[in-house]
PDB file of N, CA and C in Angstrom:
ATOM      1  N   MET A   1    -104.409-115.670 -46.713  1.00  0.00           N
ATOM      2  CA  MET A   1    -103.070-115.726 -47.268  1.00  0.00           C
ATOM      3  C   MET A   1    -102.123-114.975 -46.342  1.00  0.00           C
ATOM      4  N   LYS A   2    -100.998-115.610 -46.000  1.00  0.00           N
ATOM      5  CA  LYS A   2    -100.041-115.038 -45.064  1.00  0.00           C
ATOM      6  C   LYS A   2     -99.018-114.132 -45.750  1.00  0.00           C
ATOM      7  N   ILE A   3     -98.841-114.292 -47.060  1.00  0.00           N
ATOM      8  CA  ILE A   3     -97.854-113.488 -47.762  1.00  0.00           C
ATOM      9  C   ILE A   3     -98.440-113.063 -49.099  1.00  0.00           C
ATOM     10  N   SER A   4     -98.186-111.831 -49.469  1.00  0.00           N
ATOM     11  CA  SER A   4     -98.726-111.323 -50.730  1.00  0.00           C
ATOM     12  C   SER A   4     -97.680-111.467 -51.835  1.00  0.00           C
ATOM     13  N   ARG A   5     -98.170-111.381 -53.053  1.00  0.00           N
ATOM     14  CA  ARG A   5     -97.268-111.474 -54.202  1.00  0.00           C
ATOM     15  C   ARG A   5     -96.251-110.328 -54.182  1.00  0.00           C
ATOM     16  N   SER A   6     -96.686-109.143 -53.770  1.00  0.00           N
ATOM     17  CA  SER A   6     -95.752-108.003 -53.738  1.00  0.00           C
ATOM     18  C   SER A   6     -94.639-108.242 -52.718  1.00  0.00           C
ATOM     19  N   GLU A   7     -94.952-108.917 -51.619  1.00  0.00           N
ATOM     20  CA  GLU A   7     -93.910-109.239 -50.635  1.00  0.00           C
ATOM     21  C   GLU A   7     -92.921-110.263 -51.202  1.00  0.00           C
ATOM     22  N   VAL A   8     -93.431-111.214 -51.965  1.00  0.00           N
ATOM     23  CA  VAL A   8     -92.552-112.201 -52.596  1.00  0.00           C
ATOM     24  C   VAL A   8     -91.681-111.518 -53.636  1.00  0.00           C
ATOM     25  N   GLU A   9     -92.259-110.615 -54.421  1.00  0.00           N
ATOM     26  CA  GLU A   9     -91.485-109.876 -55.425  1.00  0.00           C
ATOM     27  C   GLU A   9     -90.372-109.064 -54.760  1.00  0.00           C
ATOM     28  N   LYS A  10     -90.709-108.404 -53.666  1.00  0.00           N
ATOM     29  CA  LYS A  10     -89.705-107.602 -52.944  1.00  0.00           C
ATOM     30  C   LYS A  10     -88.601-108.491 -52.396  1.00  0.00           C
ATOM     31  N   THR A  11     -88.981-109.627 -51.804  1.00  0.00           N
ATOM     32  CA  THR A  11     -87.993-110.556 -51.254  1.00  0.00           C
ATOM     33  C   THR A  11     -87.106-111.126 -52.350  1.00  0.00           C
ATOM     34  N   ALA A  12     -87.700-111.468 -53.488  1.00  0.00           N
ATOM     35  CA  ALA A  12     -86.923-111.990 -54.618  1.00  0.00           C
ATOM     36  C   ALA A  12     -85.946-110.933 -55.114  1.00  0.00           C
ATOM     37  N   ARG A  13     -86.393-109.677 -55.173  1.00  0.00           N
ATOM     38  CA  ARG A  13     -85.510-108.589 -55.625  1.00  0.00           C
ATOM     39  C   ARG A  13     -84.345-108.407 -54.645  1.00  0.00           C
ATOM     40  N   LEU A  14     -84.641-108.454 -53.337  1.00  0.00           N
ATOM     41  CA  LEU A  14     -83.580-108.302 -52.338  1.00  0.00           C
ATOM     42  C   LEU A  14     -82.584-109.461 -52.386  1.00  0.00           C
ATOM     43  N   ALA A  15     -83.092-110.652 -52.723  1.00  0.00           N
ATOM     44  CA  ALA A  15     -82.232-111.834 -52.809  1.00  0.00           C
ATOM     45  C   ALA A  15     -81.578-111.958 -54.182  1.00  0.00           C
ATOM     46  N   ARG A  16     -81.843-110.983 -55.039  1.00  0.00           N
ATOM     47  CA  ARG A  16     -81.286-110.975 -56.391  1.00  0.00           C
ATOM     48  C   ARG A  16     -81.708-112.212 -57.181  1.00  0.00           C
ATOM     49  N   LEU A  17     -82.971-112.617 -57.025  1.00  0.00           N
ATOM     50  CA  LEU A  17     -83.527-113.748 -57.756  1.00  0.00           C
ATOM     51  C   LEU A  17     -84.348-113.219 -58.922  1.00  0.00           C
ATOM     52  N   ASP A  18     -84.097-113.735 -60.084  1.00  0.00           N
ATOM     53  CA  ASP A  18     -84.848-113.359 -61.273  1.00  0.00           C
ATOM     54  C   ASP A  18     -85.868-114.459 -61.536  1.00  0.00           C
ATOM     55  N   LEU A  19     -87.077-114.298 -61.002  1.00  0.00           N
ATOM     56  CA  LEU A  19     -88.109-115.318 -61.116  1.00  0.00           C
ATOM     57  C   LEU A  19     -89.050-114.976 -62.261  1.00  0.00           C
ATOM     58  N   ASN A  20     -89.368-115.974 -63.088  1.00  0.00           N
ATOM     59  CA  ASN A  20     -90.364-115.751 -64.135  1.00  0.00           C
ATOM     60  C   ASN A  20     -91.756-115.853 -63.514  1.00  0.00           C
ATOM     61  N   GLU A  21     -92.775-115.686 -64.335  1.00  0.00           N
ATOM     62  CA  GLU A  21     -94.147-115.657 -63.824  1.00  0.00           C
ATOM     63  C   GLU A  21     -94.542-116.958 -63.120  1.00  0.00           C
ATOM     64  N   ALA A  22     -94.200-118.091 -63.721  1.00  0.00           N
ATOM     65  CA  ALA A  22     -94.561-119.382 -63.129  1.00  0.00           C
ATOM     66  C   ALA A  22     -93.823-119.593 -61.804  1.00  0.00           C
ATOM     67  N   GLU A  23     -92.546-119.233 -61.770  1.00  0.00           N
ATOM     68  CA  GLU A  23     -91.761-119.378 -60.538  1.00  0.00           C
ATOM     69  C   GLU A  23     -92.304-118.466 -59.437  1.00  0.00           C
ATOM     70  N   MET A  24     -92.737-117.261 -59.828  1.00  0.00           N
ATOM     71  CA  MET A  24     -93.281-116.313 -58.845  1.00  0.00           C
ATOM     72  C   MET A  24     -94.568-116.865 -58.227  1.00  0.00           C
ATOM     73  N   GLU A  25     -95.434-117.445 -59.058  1.00  0.00           N
ATOM     74  CA  GLU A  25     -96.670-118.034 -58.550  1.00  0.00           C
ATOM     75  C   GLU A  25     -96.371-119.210 -57.620  1.00  0.00           C
ATOM     76  N   ARG A  26     -95.447-120.072 -58.038  1.00  0.00           N
ATOM     77  CA  ARG A  26     -95.097-121.244 -57.222  1.00  0.00           C
ATOM     78  C   ARG A  26     -94.459-120.812 -55.905  1.00  0.00           C
ATOM     79  N   MET A  27     -93.567-119.826 -55.958  1.00  0.00           N
ATOM     80  CA  MET A  27     -92.889-119.349 -54.753  1.00  0.00           C
ATOM     81  C   MET A  27     -93.888-118.715 -53.785  1.00  0.00           C
ATOM     82  N   THR A  28     -94.841-117.958 -54.318  1.00  0.00           N
ATOM     83  CA  THR A  28     -95.860-117.340 -53.465  1.00  0.00           C
ATOM     84  C   THR A  28     -96.681-118.414 -52.761  1.00  0.00           C
ATOM     85  N   ALA A  29     -97.086-119.443 -53.497  1.00  0.00           N
ATOM     86  CA  ALA A  29     -97.876-120.525 -52.902  1.00  0.00           C
ATOM     87  C   ALA A  29     -97.068-121.290 -51.863  1.00  0.00           C
ATOM     88  N   GLN A  30     -95.813-121.583 -52.162  1.00  0.00           N
ATOM     89  CA  GLN A  30     -94.975-122.344 -51.229  1.00  0.00           C
ATOM     90  C   GLN A  30     -94.711-121.552 -49.952  1.00  0.00           C
ATOM     91  N   LEU A  31     -94.381-120.282 -50.096  1.00  0.00           N
ATOM     92  CA  LEU A  31     -94.125-119.462 -48.902  1.00  0.00           C
ATOM     93  C   LEU A  31     -95.399-119.285 -48.081  1.00  0.00           C
ATOM     94  N   ASP A  32     -96.530-119.169 -48.752  1.00  0.00           N
ATOM     95  CA  ASP A  32     -97.789-119.055 -48.029  1.00  0.00           C
ATOM     96  C   ASP A  32     -98.063-120.322 -47.223  1.00  0.00           C
ATOM     97  N   THR A  33     -97.781-121.484 -47.805  1.00  0.00           N
ATOM     98  CA  THR A  33     -97.970-122.748 -47.091  1.00  0.00           C
ATOM     99  C   THR A  33     -97.070-122.818 -45.861  1.00  0.00           C
ATOM    100  N   ILE A  34     -95.820-122.422 -46.016  1.00  0.00           N
ATOM    101  CA  ILE A  34     -94.864-122.449 -44.909  1.00  0.00           C
ATOM    102  C   ILE A  34     -95.310-121.501 -43.784  1.00  0.00           C
ATOM    103  N   LEU A  35     -95.679-120.283 -44.151  1.00  0.00           N
ATOM    104  CA  LEU A  35     -96.078-119.305 -43.137  1.00  0.00           C
ATOM    105  C   LEU A  35     -97.403-119.695 -42.475  1.00  0.00           C
ATOM    106  N   SER A  36     -98.310-120.315 -43.212  1.00  0.00           N
ATOM    107  CA  SER A  36     -99.568-120.781 -42.621  1.00  0.00           C
ATOM    108  C   SER A  36     -99.296-121.878 -41.601  1.00  0.00           C
ATOM    109  N   TYR A  37     -98.362-122.763 -41.908  1.00  0.00           N
ATOM    110  CA  TYR A  37     -97.996-123.813 -40.964  1.00  0.00           C
ATOM    111  C   TYR A  37     -97.375-123.223 -39.702  1.00  0.00           C
ATOM    112  N   ALA A  38     -96.497-122.239 -39.874  1.00  0.00           N
ATOM    113  CA  ALA A  38     -95.882-121.601 -38.711  1.00  0.00           C
ATOM    114  C   ALA A  38     -96.942-120.908 -37.859  1.00  0.00           C
ATOM    115  N   ALA A  39     -97.932-120.297 -38.502  1.00  0.00           N
ATOM    116  CA  ALA A  39     -99.009-119.639 -37.758  1.00  0.00           C
ATOM    117  C   ALA A  39     -99.842-120.673 -37.006  1.00  0.00           C
ATOM    118  N   LYS A  40    -100.006-121.838 -37.587  1.00  0.00           N
ATOM    119  CA  LYS A  40    -100.754-122.902 -36.921  1.00  0.00           C
ATOM    120  C   LYS A  40    -100.035-123.352 -35.649  1.00  0.00           C
ATOM    121  N   LEU A  41     -98.710-123.365 -35.683  1.00  0.00           N
ATOM    122  CA  LEU A  41     -97.936-123.722 -34.491  1.00  0.00           C
ATOM    123  C   LEU A  41     -98.128-122.710 -33.373  1.00  0.00           C
ATOM    124  N   ASP A  42     -98.360-121.444 -33.746  1.00  0.00           N
ATOM    125  CA  ASP A  42     -98.608-120.412 -32.735  1.00  0.00           C
ATOM    126  C   ASP A  42     -99.872-120.672 -31.942  1.00  0.00           C
ATOM    127  N   GLU A  43    -100.798-121.451 -32.510  1.00  0.00           N
ATOM    128  CA  GLU A  43    -102.064-121.730 -31.840  1.00  0.00           C
ATOM    129  C   GLU A  43    -101.921-122.758 -30.721  1.00  0.00           C
ATOM    130  N   LEU A  44    -100.817-123.478 -30.678  1.00  0.00           N
ATOM    131  CA  LEU A  44    -100.629-124.520 -29.673  1.00  0.00           C
ATOM    132  C   LEU A  44    -100.485-123.923 -28.284  1.00  0.00           C
ATOM    133  N   ASN A  45    -101.070-124.582 -27.316  1.00  0.00           N
ATOM    134  CA  ASN A  45    -100.958-124.165 -25.929  1.00  0.00           C
ATOM    135  C   ASN A  45     -99.653-124.743 -25.368  1.00  0.00           C
ATOM    136  N   THR A  46     -98.728-123.872 -25.070  1.00  0.00           N
ATOM    137  CA  THR A  46     -97.434-124.324 -24.556  1.00  0.00           C
ATOM    138  C   THR A  46     -97.249-123.954 -23.083  1.00  0.00           C
ATOM    139  N   ASP A  47     -98.344-123.625 -22.401  1.00  0.00           N
ATOM    140  CA  ASP A  47     -98.249-123.322 -20.970  1.00  0.00           C
ATOM    141  C   ASP A  47     -97.777-124.564 -20.233  1.00  0.00           C
ATOM    142  N   GLY A  48     -96.797-124.405 -19.385  1.00  0.00           N
ATOM    143  CA  GLY A  48     -96.295-125.519 -18.591  1.00  0.00           C
ATOM    144  C   GLY A  48     -95.263-126.366 -19.310  1.00  0.00           C
ATOM    145  N   VAL A  49     -94.933-126.019 -20.553  1.00  0.00           N
ATOM    146  CA  VAL A  49     -93.908-126.771 -21.281  1.00  0.00           C
ATOM    147  C   VAL A  49     -92.575-126.074 -21.050  1.00  0.00           C
ATOM    148  N   ALA A  50     -91.631-126.820 -20.535  1.00  0.00           N
ATOM    149  CA  ALA A  50     -90.317-126.239 -20.249  1.00  0.00           C
ATOM    150  C   ALA A  50     -89.596-125.895 -21.550  1.00  0.00           C
ATOM    151  N   ALA A  51     -88.914-124.782 -21.527  1.00  0.00           N
ATOM    152  CA  ALA A  51     -88.137-124.374 -22.697  1.00  0.00           C
ATOM    153  C   ALA A  51     -86.964-125.325 -22.892  1.00  0.00           C
ATOM    154  N   ILE A  52     -86.673-125.596 -24.130  1.00  0.00           N
ATOM    155  CA  ILE A  52     -85.541-126.466 -24.454  1.00  0.00           C
ATOM    156  C   ILE A  52     -84.388-125.577 -24.888  1.00  0.00           C
ATOM    157  N   CYS A  53     -83.230-125.807 -24.298  1.00  0.00           N
ATOM    158  CA  CYS A  53     -82.059-125.048 -24.710  1.00  0.00           C
ATOM    159  C   CYS A  53     -80.886-125.999 -24.864  1.00  0.00           C
ATOM    160  N   SER A  54     -79.914-125.565 -25.613  1.00  0.00           N
ATOM    161  CA  SER A  54     -78.776-126.441 -25.886  1.00  0.00           C
ATOM    162  C   SER A  54     -77.509-125.950 -25.196  1.00  0.00           C
ATOM    163  N   GLN A  55     -77.679-125.293 -24.048  1.00  0.00           N
ATOM    164  CA  GLN A  55     -76.516-124.814 -23.326  1.00  0.00           C
ATOM    165  C   GLN A  55     -75.845-125.977 -22.598  1.00  0.00           C
ATOM    166  N   ALA A  56     -74.532-126.037 -22.718  1.00  0.00           N
ATOM    167  CA  ALA A  56     -73.785-127.077 -22.018  1.00  0.00           C
ATOM    168  C   ALA A  56     -73.735-126.744 -20.529  1.00  0.00           C
ATOM    169  N   ALA A  57     -73.732-127.777 -19.705  1.00  0.00           N
ATOM    170  CA  ALA A  57     -73.710-127.580 -18.260  1.00  0.00           C
ATOM    171  C   ALA A  57     -72.351-127.045 -17.807  1.00  0.00           C
ATOM    172  N   ALA A  58     -71.305-127.399 -18.525  1.00  0.00           N
ATOM    173  CA  ALA A  58     -69.966-126.937 -18.160  1.00  0.00           C
ATOM    174  C   ALA A  58     -69.239-126.512 -19.426  1.00  0.00           C
ATOM    175  N   ASN A  59     -68.170-125.789 -19.247  1.00  0.00           N
ATOM    176  CA  ASN A  59     -67.382-125.336 -20.383  1.00  0.00           C
ATOM    177  C   ASN A  59     -66.749-126.536 -21.067  1.00  0.00           C
ATOM    178  N   ALA A  60     -67.088-126.755 -22.329  1.00  0.00           N
ATOM    179  CA  ALA A  60     -66.594-127.919 -23.058  1.00  0.00           C
ATOM    180  C   ALA A  60     -65.327-127.620 -23.855  1.00  0.00           C
ATOM    181  N   PHE A  61     -64.810-126.407 -23.734  1.00  0.00           N
ATOM    182  CA  PHE A  61     -63.621-126.042 -24.496  1.00  0.00           C
ATOM    183  C   PHE A  61     -62.368-126.592 -23.834  1.00  0.00           C
ATOM    184  N   ARG A  62     -61.400-126.922 -24.650  1.00  0.00           N
ATOM    185  CA  ARG A  62     -60.137-127.421 -24.122  1.00  0.00           C
ATOM    186  C   ARG A  62     -59.301-126.246 -23.619  1.00  0.00           C
ATOM    187  N   GLU A  63     -58.345-126.541 -22.806  1.00  0.00           N
ATOM    188  CA  GLU A  63     -57.425-125.516 -22.323  1.00  0.00           C
ATOM    189  C   GLU A  63     -56.524-125.066 -23.473  1.00  0.00           C
ATOM    190  N   ASP A  64     -56.168-123.792 -23.475  1.00  0.00           N
ATOM    191  CA  ASP A  64     -55.233-123.280 -24.473  1.00  0.00           C
ATOM    192  C   ASP A  64     -53.847-123.833 -24.187  1.00  0.00           C
ATOM    193  N   GLU A  65     -53.183-124.239 -25.229  1.00  0.00           N
ATOM    194  CA  GLU A  65     -51.805-124.691 -25.069  1.00  0.00           C
ATOM    195  C   GLU A  65     -51.003-124.238 -26.282  1.00  0.00           C
ATOM    196  N   VAL A  66     -49.780-123.874 -26.032  1.00  0.00           N
ATOM    197  CA  VAL A  66     -48.899-123.423 -27.099  1.00  0.00           C
ATOM    198  C   VAL A  66     -48.373-124.651 -27.827  1.00  0.00           C
ATOM    199  N   ARG A  67     -48.558-124.643 -29.151  1.00  0.00           N
ATOM    200  CA  ARG A  67     -48.048-125.743 -29.961  1.00  0.00           C
ATOM    201  C   ARG A  67     -47.320-125.152 -31.152  1.00  0.00           C
ATOM    202  N   PRO A  68     -46.415-125.899 -31.752  1.00  0.00           N
ATOM    203  CA  PRO A  68     -45.710-125.365 -32.917  1.00  0.00           C
ATOM    204  C   PRO A  68     -46.681-125.173 -34.087  1.00  0.00           C
ATOM    205  N   SER A  69     -46.453-124.125 -34.856  1.00  0.00           N
ATOM    206  CA  SER A  69     -47.306-123.856 -36.004  1.00  0.00           C
ATOM    207  C   SER A  69     -46.524-124.085 -37.288  1.00  0.00           C
ATOM    208  N   LEU A  70     -47.192-123.925 -38.404  1.00  0.00           N
ATOM    209  CA  LEU A  70     -46.570-124.112 -39.708  1.00  0.00           C
ATOM    210  C   LEU A  70     -45.483-123.062 -39.902  1.00  0.00           C
ATOM    211  N   PRO A  71     -44.288-123.460 -40.305  1.00  0.00           N
ATOM    212  CA  PRO A  71     -43.237-122.462 -40.539  1.00  0.00           C
ATOM    213  C   PRO A  71     -43.643-121.483 -41.638  1.00  0.00           C
ATOM    214  N   ARG A  72     -43.263-120.242 -41.494  1.00  0.00           N
ATOM    215  CA  ARG A  72     -43.642-119.184 -42.432  1.00  0.00           C
ATOM    216  C   ARG A  72     -43.267-119.544 -43.866  1.00  0.00           C
ATOM    217  N   GLU A  73     -42.107-120.114 -44.060  1.00  0.00           N
ATOM    218  CA  GLU A  73     -41.651-120.443 -45.414  1.00  0.00           C
ATOM    219  C   GLU A  73     -42.601-121.433 -46.089  1.00  0.00           C
ATOM    220  N   LEU A  74     -43.065-122.425 -45.333  1.00  0.00           N
ATOM    221  CA  LEU A  74     -43.991-123.408 -45.902  1.00  0.00           C
ATOM    222  C   LEU A  74     -45.354-122.791 -46.192  1.00  0.00           C
ATOM    223  N   ALA A  75     -45.817-121.926 -45.312  1.00  0.00           N
ATOM    224  CA  ALA A  75     -47.108-121.280 -45.534  1.00  0.00           C
ATOM    225  C   ALA A  75     -47.051-120.382 -46.757  1.00  0.00           C
ATOM    226  N   LEU A  76     -45.983-119.602 -46.897  1.00  0.00           N
ATOM    227  CA  LEU A  76     -45.844-118.697 -48.040  1.00  0.00           C
ATOM    228  C   LEU A  76     -45.626-119.456 -49.342  1.00  0.00           C
ATOM    229  N   ALA A  77     -45.121-120.670 -49.274  1.00  0.00           N
ATOM    230  CA  ALA A  77     -44.894-121.460 -50.482  1.00  0.00           C
ATOM    231  C   ALA A  77     -46.215-121.825 -51.159  1.00  0.00           C
ATOM    232  N   ASN A  78     -47.339-121.743 -50.456  1.00  0.00           N
ATOM    233  CA  ASN A  78     -48.640-122.068 -51.031  1.00  0.00           C
ATOM    234  C   ASN A  78     -49.207-120.966 -51.909  1.00  0.00           C
ATOM    235  N   GLY A  79     -48.672-119.767 -51.822  1.00  0.00           N
ATOM    236  CA  GLY A  79     -49.187-118.645 -52.605  1.00  0.00           C
ATOM    237  C   GLY A  79     -48.402-118.449 -53.891  1.00  0.00           C
ATOM    238  N   PRO A  80     -49.038-117.879 -54.921  1.00  0.00           N
ATOM    239  CA  PRO A  80     -48.344-117.682 -56.189  1.00  0.00           C
ATOM    240  C   PRO A  80     -47.239-116.637 -56.103  1.00  0.00           C
ATOM    241  N   GLN A  81     -47.465-115.590 -55.289  1.00  0.00           N
ATOM    242  CA  GLN A  81     -46.440-114.562 -55.118  1.00  0.00           C
ATOM    243  C   GLN A  81     -46.326-114.221 -53.640  1.00  0.00           C
ATOM    244  N   HIS A  82     -45.106-114.033 -53.190  1.00  0.00           N
ATOM    245  CA  HIS A  82     -44.903-113.659 -51.797  1.00  0.00           C
ATOM    246  C   HIS A  82     -43.541-112.995 -51.669  1.00  0.00           C
ATOM    247  N   ASN A  83     -43.415-112.217 -50.598  1.00  0.00           N
ATOM    248  CA  ASN A  83     -42.096-111.705 -50.238  1.00  0.00           C
ATOM    249  C   ASN A  83     -41.660-112.496 -49.015  1.00  0.00           C
ATOM    250  N   GLU A  84     -40.753-112.029 -48.266  1.00  0.00           N
ATOM    251  CA  GLU A  84     -40.254-112.799 -47.125  1.00  0.00           C
ATOM    252  C   GLU A  84     -41.236-112.867 -45.957  1.00  0.00           C
ATOM    253  N   GLU A  85     -42.234-111.970 -45.941  1.00  0.00           N
ATOM    254  CA  GLU A  85     -43.121-111.898 -44.785  1.00  0.00           C
ATOM    255  C   GLU A  85     -44.585-112.182 -45.070  1.00  0.00           C
ATOM    256  N   SER A  86     -45.066-111.933 -46.300  1.00  0.00           N
ATOM    257  CA  SER A  86     -46.495-112.071 -46.557  1.00  0.00           C
ATOM    258  C   SER A  86     -46.762-112.363 -48.034  1.00  0.00           C
ATOM    259  N   PHE A  87     -48.012-112.700 -48.328  1.00  0.00           N
ATOM    260  CA  PHE A  87     -48.432-112.919 -49.702  1.00  0.00           C
ATOM    261  C   PHE A  87     -48.497-111.584 -50.420  1.00  0.00           C
ATOM    262  N   VAL A  88     -48.237-111.576 -51.695  1.00  0.00           N
ATOM    263  CA  VAL A  88     -48.340-110.377 -52.526  1.00  0.00           C
ATOM    264  C   VAL A  88     -49.571-110.542 -53.401  1.00  0.00           C
ATOM    265  N   VAL A  89     -50.483-109.567 -53.319  1.00  0.00           N
ATOM    266  CA  VAL A  89     -51.715-109.627 -54.107  1.00  0.00           C
ATOM    267  C   VAL A  89     -51.806-108.369 -54.952  1.00  0.00           C
ATOM    268  N   PRO A  90     -52.521-108.446 -56.086  1.00  0.00           N
ATOM    269  CA  PRO A  90     -52.639-107.259 -56.933  1.00  0.00           C
ATOM    270  C   PRO A  90     -53.470-106.170 -56.242  1.00  0.00           C
ATOM    271  N   LYS A  91     -53.126-104.933 -56.482  1.00  0.00           N
ATOM    272  CA  LYS A  91     -53.870-103.799 -55.932  1.00  0.00           C
ATOM    273  C   LYS A  91     -55.186-103.679 -56.699  1.00  0.00           C
ATOM    274  N   ILE A  92     -56.310-103.618 -55.982  1.00  0.00           N
ATOM    275  CA  ILE A  92     -57.597-103.554 -56.655  1.00  0.00           C
ATOM    276  C   ILE A  92     -58.317-102.232 -56.386  1.00  0.00           C
ATOM    277  N   ILE A  93     -57.834-101.426 -55.480  1.00  0.00           N
ATOM    278  CA  ILE A  93     -58.444-100.149 -55.173  1.00  0.00           C
ATOM    279  C   ILE A  93     -57.486 -99.060 -55.613  1.00  0.00           C
ATOM    280  N   GLY A  94     -58.010 -98.121 -56.424  1.00  0.00           N
ATOM    281  CA  GLY A  94     -57.190 -97.071 -57.009  1.00  0.00           C
ATOM    282  C   GLY A  94     -56.699 -96.134 -56.036  1.00  0.00           C
TER     283      GLY A  94
END
């Protein structure tokens, strides 16, 4: 077994998952299957296999150009409350 029930319980607690007994058993079995498969992949001989990467050969980004943006009045019109410069939000920290 690649993963213990206590490790699944700890992971569920960290993820804030409230799993019942049946879900805990199913999750332990499923994670064990996944980790066993990953361990099986480690057994493969990859000597001489070139690494695959997704790096572009050249910079694919466009050049920066100045373009007109949304006027402030129109942007502020989307909020429920605003002053002349920014949105007004309720204070949440004392």
